[in-house]
Structures are given as C-alpha cells and as structure tokens.
Protein backbone atom coordinates (compact mmCIF):
# COMPACT_ATOMS: atom_id res chain seq x y z
CA UNK A 1 11.75 -12.24 18.83
CA UNK A 2 14.83 -10.43 20.09
CA UNK A 3 14.53 -6.70 20.82
CA UNK A 4 15.38 -4.38 17.94
CA UNK A 5 16.10 -1.48 20.30
CA UNK A 6 16.57 -1.07 24.02
CA UNK A 7 14.06 1.75 24.51
CA UNK A 8 11.16 2.90 22.35
CA UNK A 9 10.09 6.41 23.35
CA UNK A 10 6.59 7.49 22.39
CA UNK A 11 6.32 11.29 22.24
CA UNK A 12 8.91 13.95 21.39
CA UNK A 13 8.04 16.75 23.78
CA UNK A 14 10.57 17.96 26.36
CA UNK A 15 10.19 14.78 28.45
CA UNK A 16 10.60 12.37 25.55
CA UNK A 17 13.56 14.24 24.06
CA UNK A 18 15.29 14.43 27.44
CA UNK A 19 14.69 10.72 28.03
CA UNK A 20 16.20 9.90 24.63
CA UNK A 21 19.30 11.98 25.38
CA UNK A 22 19.74 10.54 28.87
CA UNK A 23 19.25 6.92 27.82
CA UNK A 24 21.51 7.22 24.78
CA UNK A 25 24.22 8.98 26.78
CA UNK A 26 24.34 5.96 29.10
CA UNK A 27 24.61 3.34 26.40
CA UNK A 28 21.06 2.50 25.33
CA UNK A 29 19.96 2.04 21.76
CA UNK A 30 16.96 4.33 21.48
CA UNK A 31 14.19 5.02 19.00
CA UNK A 32 11.86 8.01 19.44
CA UNK A 33 8.60 8.51 17.56
CA UNK A 34 5.93 11.22 17.58
CA UNK A 35 2.58 11.32 15.82
CA UNK A 36 2.86 15.08 15.23
CA UNK A 37 4.59 16.55 12.15
CA UNK A 38 7.95 18.26 12.55
CA UNK A 39 6.43 21.76 12.39
CA UNK A 40 6.81 23.63 15.71
CA UNK A 41 3.75 23.84 17.94
CA UNK A 42 2.81 26.82 20.12
CA UNK A 43 4.55 26.82 23.48
CA UNK A 44 2.61 26.27 26.68
CA UNK A 45 5.52 26.16 29.14
CA UNK A 46 7.70 29.26 29.53
CA UNK A 47 9.67 28.64 32.75
CA UNK A 48 12.65 26.39 33.42
CA UNK A 49 13.70 25.94 37.04
CA UNK A 50 17.31 25.85 38.29
CA UNK A 51 17.09 22.19 39.30
CA UNK A 52 16.03 21.25 35.77
CA UNK A 53 18.98 23.10 34.27
CA UNK A 54 21.32 21.29 36.69
CA UNK A 55 19.96 17.92 35.58
CA UNK A 56 20.33 18.76 31.89
CA UNK A 57 23.86 20.12 32.28
CA UNK A 58 25.77 16.81 31.85
CA UNK A 59 23.91 16.27 28.56
CA UNK A 60 25.59 19.35 27.11
CA UNK A 61 22.47 21.40 26.31
CA UNK A 62 22.25 24.12 28.96
CA UNK A 63 24.38 26.71 27.19
CA UNK A 64 22.16 26.48 24.10
CA UNK A 65 19.03 26.77 26.23
CA UNK A 66 20.35 29.77 28.14
CA UNK A 67 21.29 31.50 24.88
CA UNK A 68 17.57 31.55 24.05
CA UNK A 69 16.38 32.49 27.53
CA UNK A 70 15.85 35.47 29.79
CA UNK A 71 17.81 34.71 32.95
CA UNK A 72 17.11 37.99 34.72
CA UNK A 73 13.35 38.40 34.37
CA UNK A 74 11.60 41.46 35.73
CA UNK A 75 7.87 41.51 36.43
CA UNK A 76 5.44 44.30 37.14
CA UNK A 77 2.88 42.95 39.60
CA UNK A 78 -0.43 44.79 39.21
CA UNK A 79 -2.56 44.42 42.34
CA UNK A 80 -5.55 46.74 42.48
CA UNK A 81 -4.23 50.22 41.72
CA UNK A 82 -0.70 49.39 42.80
CA UNK A 83 2.17 48.29 40.58
CA UNK A 84 5.09 46.52 42.25
CA UNK A 85 8.26 45.71 40.31
CA UNK A 86 9.87 42.37 41.11
CA UNK A 87 13.34 41.36 39.87
CA UNK A 88 14.09 37.62 39.77
CA UNK A 89 17.68 37.49 38.54
CA UNK A 90 20.77 36.69 40.66
CA UNK A 91 18.90 34.98 43.48
CA UNK A 92 20.59 33.97 46.71
CA UNK A 93 21.16 30.32 45.71
CA UNK A 94 24.84 29.47 46.27
CA UNK A 95 24.15 25.73 45.89
CA UNK A 96 23.45 25.98 42.16
CA UNK A 97 25.20 27.33 39.09
CA UNK A 98 21.85 28.69 37.89
CA UNK A 99 20.68 31.05 40.67
CA UNK A 100 17.84 32.57 38.67
CA UNK A 101 14.44 31.91 37.21
CA UNK A 102 14.73 31.24 33.49
CA UNK A 103 12.10 32.27 30.96
CA UNK A 104 12.43 30.11 27.84
CA UNK A 105 9.81 28.99 25.35
CA UNK A 106 8.94 25.29 25.28
CA UNK A 107 9.33 25.49 21.50
CA UNK A 108 12.98 26.51 21.95
CA UNK A 109 13.55 23.74 24.51
CA UNK A 110 12.25 21.16 22.06
CA UNK A 111 14.23 22.54 19.12
CA UNK A 112 17.49 22.54 21.12
CA UNK A 113 17.01 19.01 22.43
CA UNK A 114 15.95 17.65 19.04
CA UNK A 115 18.91 19.26 17.29
CA UNK A 116 21.36 17.84 19.85
CA UNK A 117 19.79 14.40 19.37
CA UNK A 118 20.25 14.73 15.61
CA UNK A 119 23.87 15.77 16.09
CA UNK A 120 24.35 12.53 18.04
CA UNK A 121 22.87 10.40 15.29
CA UNK A 122 19.24 10.06 16.39
CA UNK A 123 16.38 11.54 14.39
CA UNK A 124 12.88 11.92 15.78
CA UNK A 125 10.47 9.94 13.61
CA UNK A 126 7.63 12.42 13.13
CA UNK A 127 4.19 11.52 11.76
CA UNK A 128 4.64 8.08 13.33
CA UNK A 129 1.81 6.95 15.58
CA UNK A 130 1.87 4.09 18.06
CA UNK A 131 -1.32 2.16 17.39
CA UNK A 132 -0.92 -0.51 20.07
CA UNK A 133 1.55 -1.69 22.70
CA UNK A 134 1.96 -5.15 24.22
CA UNK A 135 4.03 -6.07 27.26
CA UNK A 136 5.76 -9.46 27.22
CA UNK A 137 7.95 -11.46 29.52
CA UNK A 138 11.16 -10.97 27.53
CA UNK A 139 10.32 -7.88 25.46
CA UNK A 140 7.63 -5.37 24.59
CA UNK A 141 6.06 -4.93 21.16
CA UNK A 142 4.59 -1.84 19.56
CA UNK A 143 2.69 -1.42 16.31
CA UNK A 144 3.70 1.77 14.52
CA UNK A 145 1.86 3.47 11.69
CA UNK A 146 3.61 6.07 9.51
CA UNK A 147 3.27 7.38 5.96
CA UNK A 148 5.53 4.52 4.86
CA UNK A 149 3.23 1.86 6.32
CA UNK A 150 2.77 -0.28 9.43
CA UNK A 151 5.65 -1.77 11.40
CA UNK A 152 6.03 -4.02 14.45
CA UNK A 153 8.87 -3.02 16.77
CA UNK A 154 10.24 -5.16 19.58
CA UNK A 155 12.13 -3.48 22.39
CA UNK A 156 13.27 -4.04 25.94
CA UNK A 157 11.20 -1.11 27.26
CA UNK A 158 8.55 1.34 26.10
CA UNK A 159 8.41 4.82 27.63
CA UNK A 160 5.14 6.66 27.21
CA UNK A 161 5.88 10.38 26.96
CA UNK A 162 2.70 10.82 24.92
CA UNK A 163 0.76 13.31 27.02
CA UNK A 164 -2.44 13.26 29.05
CA UNK A 165 -4.32 11.07 26.54
CA UNK A 166 -1.59 8.43 26.57
CA UNK A 167 -1.73 5.38 24.33
CA UNK A 168 0.94 3.68 26.46
CA UNK A 169 -0.98 4.33 29.69
CA UNK A 170 -4.15 2.95 28.17
CA UNK A 171 -2.33 -0.14 26.87
CA UNK A 172 -0.81 -0.71 30.32
CA UNK A 173 -4.26 -0.50 31.95
CA UNK A 174 -3.04 2.12 34.43
CA UNK A 175 -5.63 4.25 36.20
CA UNK A 176 -5.73 8.05 35.84
CA UNK A 177 -6.77 9.54 39.18
CA UNK A 178 -8.08 13.08 39.59
CA UNK A 179 -10.42 15.28 37.59
CA UNK A 180 -10.89 18.48 35.60
CA UNK A 181 -10.54 22.00 36.91
CA UNK A 182 -13.44 24.42 36.72
CA UNK A 183 -11.13 26.91 35.06
CA UNK A 184 -9.35 26.93 31.72
CA UNK A 185 -6.38 28.83 30.34
CA UNK A 186 -6.54 31.06 27.30
CA UNK A 187 -3.30 31.60 25.37
CA UNK A 188 -2.81 34.08 22.54
CA UNK A 189 -0.02 35.73 20.56
CA UNK A 190 -1.08 39.33 20.07
CA UNK A 191 -0.02 42.71 18.77
CA UNK A 192 -0.84 45.49 21.24
CA UNK A 193 -2.12 48.90 20.15
CA UNK A 194 -0.24 50.80 22.88
CA UNK A 195 2.89 48.75 23.44
CA UNK A 196 4.09 48.06 26.97
CA UNK A 197 7.72 47.90 28.07
CA UNK A 198 9.19 44.84 26.32
CA UNK A 199 11.67 43.90 29.04
CA UNK A 200 9.01 43.40 31.70
CA UNK A 201 6.42 40.67 32.27
CA UNK A 202 3.11 42.07 33.41
CA UNK A 203 1.16 40.08 36.00
CA UNK A 204 -2.33 41.26 36.89
CA UNK A 205 -4.00 39.81 39.98
CA UNK A 206 -7.73 40.49 39.92
CA UNK A 207 -10.90 39.24 41.49
CA UNK A 208 -11.69 37.08 38.44
CA UNK A 209 -8.25 35.48 38.13
CA UNK A 210 -4.75 36.12 36.85
CA UNK A 211 -3.59 37.63 33.56
CA UNK A 212 0.02 37.57 32.32
CA UNK A 213 1.63 39.36 29.39
CA UNK A 214 5.11 38.24 28.31
CA UNK A 215 7.23 39.65 25.51
CA UNK A 216 7.74 36.01 24.50
CA UNK A 217 5.16 35.61 21.76
CA UNK A 218 6.12 33.26 18.93
CA UNK A 219 3.88 34.58 16.15
CA UNK A 220 3.42 38.12 17.50
CA UNK A 221 5.40 40.26 19.98
CA UNK A 222 3.29 39.44 23.06
CA UNK A 223 2.08 36.22 24.65
CA UNK A 224 -1.14 36.58 26.64
CA UNK A 225 -2.08 34.02 29.30
CA UNK A 226 -5.27 34.39 31.28
CA UNK A 227 -7.40 32.11 33.45
CA UNK A 228 -11.18 32.11 33.29
CA UNK A 229 -14.10 29.78 34.13
CA UNK A 230 -14.17 26.83 31.73
CA UNK A 231 -16.85 26.73 29.05
CA UNK A 232 -19.25 23.82 28.79
CA UNK A 233 -17.56 22.10 25.84
CA UNK A 234 -14.48 19.96 26.50
CA UNK A 235 -11.56 20.29 24.05
CA UNK A 236 -9.05 17.41 24.20
CA UNK A 237 -6.53 17.65 27.01
CA UNK A 238 -2.97 18.43 26.07
CA UNK A 239 -3.80 19.92 22.67
CA UNK A 240 -4.77 23.46 21.63
CA UNK A 241 -8.51 23.92 21.74
CA UNK A 242 -10.60 26.26 19.58
CA UNK A 243 -9.39 29.82 18.96
CA UNK A 244 -10.83 32.64 21.05
CA UNK A 245 -12.73 35.53 19.53
CA UNK A 246 -10.80 38.81 19.51
CA UNK A 247 -13.69 40.51 21.28
CA UNK A 248 -13.36 38.05 24.18
CA UNK A 249 -9.61 38.61 24.38
CA UNK A 250 -10.07 42.38 24.37
CA UNK A 251 -12.64 42.09 27.16
CA UNK A 252 -10.20 40.02 29.26
CA UNK A 253 -7.44 42.58 28.72
CA UNK A 254 -9.76 45.50 29.44
CA UNK A 255 -10.75 43.90 32.75
CA UNK A 256 -7.05 43.83 33.70
CA UNK A 257 -6.81 47.62 33.42
CA UNK A 258 -3.36 47.72 31.80
CA UNK A 259 -4.23 50.69 29.60
CA UNK A 260 -3.54 48.89 26.33
CA UNK A 261 -5.68 47.19 23.72
CA UNK A 262 -5.20 44.28 21.37
CA UNK A 263 -4.60 45.48 17.80
CA UNK A 264 -4.55 42.00 16.24
CA UNK A 265 -4.49 38.34 17.18
CA UNK A 266 -2.16 36.05 15.26
CA UNK A 267 -2.94 32.88 17.22
CA UNK A 268 -5.10 31.90 20.16
CA UNK A 269 -6.33 28.73 21.82
CA UNK A 270 -8.19 27.46 24.86
CA UNK A 271 -6.59 24.80 27.03
CA UNK A 272 -8.71 22.76 29.43
CA UNK A 273 -6.96 21.91 32.70
CA UNK A 274 -6.97 18.86 34.91
CA UNK A 275 -5.31 17.63 38.10
CA UNK A 276 -4.36 13.97 37.81
CA UNK A 277 -1.67 11.43 38.63
CA UNK A 278 -1.35 7.92 37.24
CA UNK A 279 -2.07 5.06 39.63
CA UNK A 280 1.32 3.61 38.68
CA UNK A 281 4.26 4.85 36.68
CA UNK A 282 5.24 1.38 35.51
CA UNK A 283 3.60 -1.81 34.36
CA UNK A 284 6.15 -4.48 33.47
CA UNK A 285 8.21 -3.10 30.61
CA UNK A 286 5.95 -0.08 30.05
CA UNK A 287 6.75 3.24 31.76
CA UNK A 288 4.99 6.60 31.99
CA UNK A 289 6.85 9.91 31.91
CA UNK A 290 5.81 13.56 32.08
CA UNK A 291 2.25 14.48 31.14
CA UNK A 292 1.40 10.80 30.60
CA UNK A 293 2.10 10.24 34.32
CA UNK A 294 0.73 13.46 35.83
CA UNK A 295 -1.21 16.59 34.89
CA UNK A 296 -0.91 19.86 36.82
CA UNK A 297 -2.29 23.35 36.60
CA UNK A 298 0.13 25.92 35.11
CA UNK A 299 0.67 27.51 38.55
CA UNK A 300 4.39 27.66 39.49
CA UNK A 301 5.41 26.25 36.08
CA UNK A 302 5.76 22.61 37.09
CA UNK A 303 4.59 20.60 34.05
CA UNK A 304 7.63 20.73 31.77
CA UNK A 305 10.11 20.79 34.66
CA UNK A 306 8.68 17.76 36.45
CA UNK A 307 8.49 15.83 33.19
CA UNK A 308 12.13 16.56 32.35
CA UNK A 309 13.17 15.46 35.84
CA UNK A 310 11.15 12.24 35.40
CA UNK A 311 13.10 11.61 32.21
CA UNK A 312 16.46 12.33 33.82
CA UNK A 313 15.58 9.81 36.54
CA UNK A 314 14.41 7.05 34.20
CA UNK A 315 16.76 7.37 31.23
CA UNK A 316 19.92 6.02 32.84
CA UNK A 317 17.99 3.28 34.62
CA UNK A 318 16.59 1.88 31.38
CA UNK A 319 20.05 2.06 29.82
CA UNK A 320 21.73 0.25 32.74
CA UNK A 321 18.92 -2.29 33.23
CA UNK A 322 20.11 -4.35 30.28
CA UNK A 323 23.37 -5.02 32.18
CA UNK A 324 21.78 -6.22 35.43
CA UNK A 325 20.97 -9.88 35.92
CA UNK A 326 17.98 -8.91 38.08
CA UNK A 327 16.99 -5.29 37.34
CA UNK A 328 13.87 -5.40 39.55
CA UNK A 329 15.09 -2.95 42.19
CA UNK A 330 16.53 -0.60 39.58
CA UNK A 331 13.32 -0.47 37.54
CA UNK A 332 10.98 -0.33 40.53
CA UNK A 333 12.92 2.62 41.92
CA UNK A 334 11.54 4.90 39.18
CA UNK A 335 7.98 4.78 40.47
CA UNK A 336 9.07 4.67 44.12
CA UNK A 337 11.09 7.84 43.62
CA UNK A 338 9.07 9.90 41.16
CA UNK A 339 5.41 9.21 42.00
CA UNK A 340 5.65 10.70 45.55
CA UNK A 341 7.27 13.78 43.99
CA UNK A 342 4.39 14.06 41.51
CA UNK A 343 1.85 13.84 44.31
CA UNK A 344 3.56 16.63 46.25
CA UNK A 345 3.79 18.80 43.13
CA UNK A 346 0.10 18.15 42.50
CA UNK A 347 -0.73 19.39 46.00
CA UNK A 348 1.46 22.49 45.54
CA UNK A 349 -0.05 23.39 42.18
CA UNK A 350 -3.60 22.80 43.45
CA UNK A 351 -3.10 25.31 46.26
CA UNK A 352 -1.33 27.85 44.05
CA UNK A 353 -3.95 27.59 41.31
CA UNK A 354 -6.76 27.93 43.83
CA UNK A 355 -5.20 31.20 44.97
CA UNK A 356 -4.56 32.40 41.41
CA UNK A 357 -7.76 31.38 39.66
CA UNK A 358 -10.27 29.95 42.14
CA UNK A 359 -13.84 31.14 41.55
CA UNK A 360 -15.16 30.74 45.09
CA UNK A 361 -15.86 33.55 47.51
CA UNK A 362 -12.64 33.10 49.52
CA UNK A 363 -10.09 33.14 46.66
CA UNK A 364 -11.91 36.07 45.03
CA UNK A 365 -11.77 37.90 48.36
CA UNK A 366 -8.05 37.15 48.66
CA UNK A 367 -7.28 38.50 45.19
CA UNK A 368 -9.76 41.36 45.11
CA UNK A 369 -9.47 42.76 48.64
CA UNK A 370 -6.68 41.29 50.73
CA UNK A 371 -4.00 41.27 47.98
CA UNK A 372 -4.38 45.00 47.22
CA UNK A 373 -4.20 45.81 50.92
CA UNK A 374 -1.01 43.77 51.25
CA UNK A 375 0.60 45.07 48.05
CA UNK A 376 2.71 47.75 49.83
CA UNK A 377 4.52 44.99 51.71
CA UNK A 378 5.57 43.15 48.55
CA UNK A 379 8.78 45.18 47.91
CA UNK A 380 9.89 44.53 51.48
CA UNK A 381 9.20 40.81 51.15
CA UNK A 382 10.98 40.62 47.78
CA UNK A 383 13.90 42.47 49.34
CA UNK A 384 14.36 39.58 51.75
CA UNK A 385 16.68 37.57 49.51
CA UNK A 386 16.57 34.51 51.73
CA UNK A 387 12.79 34.42 51.55
CA UNK A 388 12.75 34.59 47.75
CA UNK A 389 15.47 31.94 47.61
CA UNK A 390 13.45 29.61 49.84
CA UNK A 391 10.43 30.03 47.60
CA UNK A 392 12.50 29.17 44.52
CA UNK A 393 13.99 26.14 46.26
CA UNK A 394 10.50 24.88 47.03
CA UNK A 395 9.16 25.46 43.53
CA UNK A 396 12.30 24.04 41.87
CA UNK A 397 12.22 20.79 43.90
CA UNK A 398 15.69 21.33 45.37
CA UNK A 399 14.59 19.49 48.49
CA UNK A 400 12.76 16.70 46.69
CA UNK A 401 14.60 13.52 47.54
CA UNK A 402 14.56 9.75 47.43
CA UNK A 403 15.50 8.83 51.00
CA UNK A 404 13.47 5.62 50.99
CA UNK A 405 14.57 4.43 47.56
CA UNK A 406 16.13 0.96 47.29
CA UNK A 407 19.03 2.72 45.55
CA UNK A 408 19.77 5.05 48.50
CA UNK A 409 22.43 3.49 50.71
CA UNK A 410 24.04 5.51 53.50
CA UNK A 411 26.66 4.24 55.93
CA UNK A 412 27.65 7.65 57.28
CA UNK A 413 26.57 8.72 60.79
CA UNK A 414 23.20 10.46 60.67
CA UNK A 415 24.58 13.89 61.64
CA UNK A 416 27.42 13.84 59.11
CA UNK A 417 27.66 17.00 56.99
CA UNK A 418 26.65 17.03 53.37
CA UNK A 419 23.70 15.55 51.46
CA UNK A 420 22.59 12.11 52.57
CA UNK A 421 21.89 9.25 50.21
CA UNK A 422 18.73 10.05 48.30
CA UNK A 423 19.25 13.81 48.46
CA UNK A 424 20.31 16.11 45.63
CA UNK A 425 24.06 16.79 45.52
CA UNK A 426 24.39 20.55 45.92
CA UNK A 427 27.09 22.60 44.27
CA UNK A 428 30.12 23.91 46.16
CA UNK A 429 33.73 24.94 45.49
CA UNK A 430 36.17 22.01 45.59
CA UNK A 431 39.75 21.24 44.61
CA UNK A 432 40.33 18.30 42.27
CA UNK A 433 43.30 17.53 40.05
CA UNK A 434 45.15 20.48 41.52
CA UNK A 435 42.51 22.99 40.37
CA UNK A 436 39.77 24.85 42.18
CA UNK A 437 36.45 24.20 40.47
CA UNK A 438 32.76 24.03 41.27
CA UNK A 439 31.61 20.52 42.10
CA UNK A 440 28.87 20.58 39.47
CA UNK A 441 31.51 21.30 36.82
CA UNK A 442 33.05 17.94 37.67
CA UNK A 443 29.68 16.19 37.62
CA UNK A 444 28.89 17.75 34.24
CA UNK A 445 32.19 16.73 32.63
CA UNK A 446 30.44 13.68 31.18
CA UNK A 447 27.23 11.70 31.78
CA UNK A 448 27.50 8.78 34.16
CA UNK A 449 28.07 7.79 37.78
CA UNK A 450 30.53 10.02 39.63
CA UNK A 451 32.52 8.63 42.56
CA UNK A 452 33.81 11.40 44.85
CA UNK A 453 36.61 10.17 47.09
CA UNK A 454 37.93 12.41 49.86
CA UNK A 455 41.51 13.54 50.30
CA UNK A 456 42.80 10.68 52.50
CA UNK A 457 40.91 7.82 50.82
CA UNK A 458 43.03 4.86 49.80
CA UNK A 459 43.48 4.53 46.02
CA UNK A 460 40.56 2.87 44.24
CA UNK A 461 40.87 0.26 41.58
CA UNK A 462 40.48 2.23 38.37
CA UNK A 463 38.25 -0.18 36.43
CA UNK A 464 34.92 0.48 38.10
CA UNK A 465 32.91 0.48 34.89
CA UNK A 466 32.42 2.15 31.54
CA UNK A 467 30.08 4.79 32.92
CA UNK A 468 31.89 5.48 36.20
CA UNK A 469 34.10 8.54 36.72
CA UNK A 470 36.29 8.89 39.84
CA UNK A 471 37.24 12.30 41.29
CA UNK A 472 39.56 12.83 44.26
CA UNK A 473 38.50 15.94 46.20
CA UNK A 474 41.72 17.05 47.87
CA UNK A 475 39.89 19.95 49.54
CA UNK A 476 37.67 17.55 51.50
CA UNK A 477 39.48 15.91 54.45
CA UNK A 478 38.82 12.36 55.49
CA UNK A 479 38.67 8.96 53.82
CA UNK A 480 35.01 8.89 52.84
CA UNK A 481 33.32 8.26 49.52
CA UNK A 482 30.18 9.72 47.94
CA UNK A 483 28.64 8.30 44.77
CA UNK A 484 26.47 10.66 42.72
CA UNK A 485 23.95 9.10 40.36
CA UNK A 486 23.61 10.27 36.73
CA UNK A 487 20.59 12.39 37.68
CA UNK A 488 22.52 14.35 40.31
CA UNK A 489 21.32 12.58 43.48
CA UNK A 490 23.56 10.89 46.03
CA UNK A 491 23.16 7.14 45.80
CA UNK A 492 25.83 5.80 48.15
CA UNK A 493 27.84 7.29 51.05
CA UNK A 494 30.35 5.69 53.36
CA UNK A 495 32.95 6.99 55.84
CA UNK A 496 35.61 4.81 54.23
CA UNK A 497 35.89 2.92 50.99
CA UNK A 498 35.00 -0.75 51.19
CA UNK A 499 35.65 -2.03 47.68
CA UNK A 500 33.13 -4.88 47.87
CA UNK A 501 30.34 -2.65 49.13
CA UNK A 502 31.01 0.04 46.56
CA UNK A 503 31.08 -2.53 43.77
CA UNK A 504 27.89 -4.10 45.05
CA UNK A 505 26.06 -0.79 44.87
CA UNK A 506 27.43 -0.15 41.38
CA UNK A 507 26.36 -3.61 40.29
CA UNK A 508 22.90 -3.03 41.68
CA UNK A 509 22.39 -0.12 39.29
CA UNK A 510 23.97 -1.98 36.37
CA UNK A 511 27.59 -0.74 36.23
CA UNK A 512 30.82 -2.32 37.43
CA UNK A 513 33.79 -4.09 35.95
CA UNK A 514 33.39 -7.47 37.64
CA UNK A 515 30.73 -10.01 36.95
CA UNK A 516 27.59 -9.73 39.06
CA UNK A 517 28.31 -12.79 41.18
CA UNK A 518 31.52 -11.21 42.48
CA UNK A 519 29.81 -7.88 43.02
CA UNK A 520 27.03 -9.51 45.02
CA UNK A 521 29.44 -11.32 47.33
CA UNK A 522 28.34 -9.06 50.18
CA UNK A 523 24.67 -9.67 51.13
CA UNK A 524 22.42 -6.67 50.69
CA UNK A 525 21.32 -6.73 54.31
CA UNK A 526 24.88 -5.88 55.31
CA UNK A 527 24.35 -2.41 53.84
CA UNK A 528 22.16 -0.13 55.90
CA UNK A 529 19.59 1.78 53.82
CA UNK A 530 19.24 5.50 54.37
CA UNK A 531 16.51 6.46 56.84
CA UNK A 532 15.03 2.97 57.41
C-alpha cells in the first residue's frame, strides 16, 4: 500500500506543532493528530530560550510569540531575609537577535503554532487517538480512532510527539531509561489576598525547596509553582494530577514568608516528575521527539525548548528523505545529533533540580544556610553581564553542536574563524545585495538550506535545488563557502567552492538539481568529516 502522507505526527504539543511546520515548510505532506480535545490545557512551560526563538524564526512565528511574551523579565529573589532584584532583559548576547530570557505561556505557544498551521492549510485532528503503529519495510501503518470511526493510515514516517507515556515509543519497543524523582511540582492559578507587584516574578529559595509566583496565571492573576516531596500515590506522567487542597497551598505560601495569602484557587494540579531518556530516538520509520524521547525536571526550563529543537532538527530531514535514494545517513543523523544533547540536558537539569529541590542534608544546607549568607553577593554577580550571558548560553544550548554528525563536513583549516561544521551559525552584521543586514535576517528570509558564498567566490550555478538559497556576503573577504542547514547549524564549509563536493553534500541531505548519480560522482571518503 503506497503512503497516504509523508509524515504522521502523533501529538500536538509544542514539539509536534513545530515538527509539522518544519516538515511542511520543506515540502512534506503532513498529518498531525492528537487524542486531546481542542480546548486549551493549563501551561506547564513558561520559558522560551533565545536559541529556540532563533530556530523558529524562519517559520515566521517569532513575532507572534514575542507579542504574547515578557522579554524583559524582572525577578525578586527571596533568600532568607534578603530580597535581591534581578533583571534579565537586554543580556550581553551579540550573537543572537533575541538577547533576553522570554516568559511565554506554553498555551500561547501552542495556540500560535496551531493557528499558523491552519493558515497554511493544515488542521490538527483533535480527539484522534493512535491505537497502534506498525513499522514496515516500505512504509509505516497506524490505526487511528476518532469520533468518526477507525482508520488505517499509511505513511513514510511516524513521529511520536505523544509525551512521556508514548504509544509510538511502546510500539517501537524502545527502552525508557531513568526513574522518578522523589519530589513533585504543584501548580496553581490563584488570587492573592494582598497582591504583589505584577511586573515582578517572585522566587523564594528555602530549606524545603523553591517557590515561584508569576503574574502569568491563565485562570487567575497569579501562577504558583512550588516543589515538595512527592506523595505516595503516582498520578500519570505528563498529565495534570489531582487538585491540591487550598489549605495545603496556603501552608506552602506561608512557609515562603512573602507576606501574602491565597484568597481563592481557580485551578491546581500535582505533577509527578521523572528523569529519563529513550534508549533510541529512532526505530526504522518510527521517531521519538520531545517528551516522548526525554523527560527532565523543570529546572532551567528545558522541556519545551529541547523538544522544539528536536523537532526543528528532524522536520526537514523527514521532508528531504523522500528525495534521497539512500536516506540512511540523513535519518540516522537525528539520533546521533539529538540524543547526546538530551543526555547533557538531563545531567544539567538533575544538578539544578538537586540544588533547587533536593531533600537531603546537603541541598537543604545549601538553600537554608549558605544561600542566605551568599545573598549579598548576588547583585554583584548579576552585574557581571558576561557571567549572566555565559549562563544563558549554557542553558539555551548555544554551544550544543553536532561535530561528529555524518552531515558535518568541514574542509577549512582547523583554526579558521567562524563556526565549524556541526556548530550553530551565530548572528553577525553582514553586507549582502548591497545592504547591511544581520546574518540571521538572511537565514530567516525563507525556510531551507542557505549557501553563504564569500566576496571573491566564483559564481555558482543557480539551480542548486528547490530548497536552496544562495547569498553572496560581500563584506566577507575570500572565496570560501558555508552551508547552513534549515535548523541553523553549519553543515558544510570549504575554503573554495568545488561544485561537485557542494552538490554531493546537498544530495546527501536530499536537495540538489542533478540526479543523485551525478551528485555522488565524488566518493564520500574524499570529503574530510569535521573533527574525525
């Protein structure tokens, strides 16, 4: 049976919606289903990192996201009896167009992405559950159940964006390594009796854990987030658990010592936490993305951001794979690139969550004794703009790269300036077409592969492929060439353009104007991989 669609996406959270946009933008026929109804669900994620905004920019959604966001957040850090104000807008990050932390509700992220999908002719099929998935040699098959009945869908690929309890992961027989945390998170939308300043997030670091109050509630003015030891029952992962009694919420807020009380609770839920990563991100034609591939603590706000970056990595590859005679390297690169990133993020969030919410003697000592003693130094540390910028770079995965990917090919000398193959292409001022612009403006002009040729490079043949855009950077001397992948990473670099080698790399990822035999005329071992 021939495939009815190129990609079936299971799950319409931020990862699934991003994957649908990225795959469709690069030529794939996509279908996206979600077992949940179309009614909005309470947000868990509230932070979007600069690197995530950069990746979404070519899809034409960042302006709508930023219109619903706070891009200059201010936080009052309560440590013991001290209150330290921290401002996180206009950070020292010249390599990005988004030099700030962005507070935006997950609900708004989903509504923006879903609306853009609808504008481009693709509706999310809500109340549609994937009952089973089968991987085949020539196609995959999924059984869907919806209010209109049961349907069998054939497709080239299935992407499981269906959360921690993933039907696609279970069907693929992929292991789920890790375990539960001893702590859980309580979320609530509340009305406060003595209102706090609305323009400030309040962060309380105490011996028992961390409490946060944001003026970002969805059903009431304030969103409360607090960590506490997990109870003995086990609500399902990834879904809101039972509501929390108002007396318990008041006790948690009283312990924080903010001098305010909860007047009413509009919504509350407990969320169990786990630290896990899938044994593989791919099995044949089945792929795992976002929370189906990894589960983190909420520390440093990595869940939604890492899932979106998974989707930006995979979407164009699934779209281009249908044009490659042998897409093995292209498809295998997803797991080779993203799973090591997930493992590093897991380690980062484990350490951060231990410091924030650990119940042992040492973390309680750090929060209850050492942190108050060190609180006077916080304004000085925050005043060091380079230090704050480095922390944001780390959290935002600016330095996460794919140096050992089969798609990273670098012929430049090792000490050559600029990002190497497999590294993220940073922003900078350039001149192209007689105008001075930021480089990321060029890369965001349309989705696809962007070929950056330097000032003295010989003219390229124009027909490089339907999804290839060529820019001549007249402000960059030399005759080199840099190819930036659709997800913003450098894929190919060379000190001079060799048409056959450039076309070979393009053919390897599924784009190029000549047939694949011509493009593969140069053996792969003639191209030196980056960092062998």
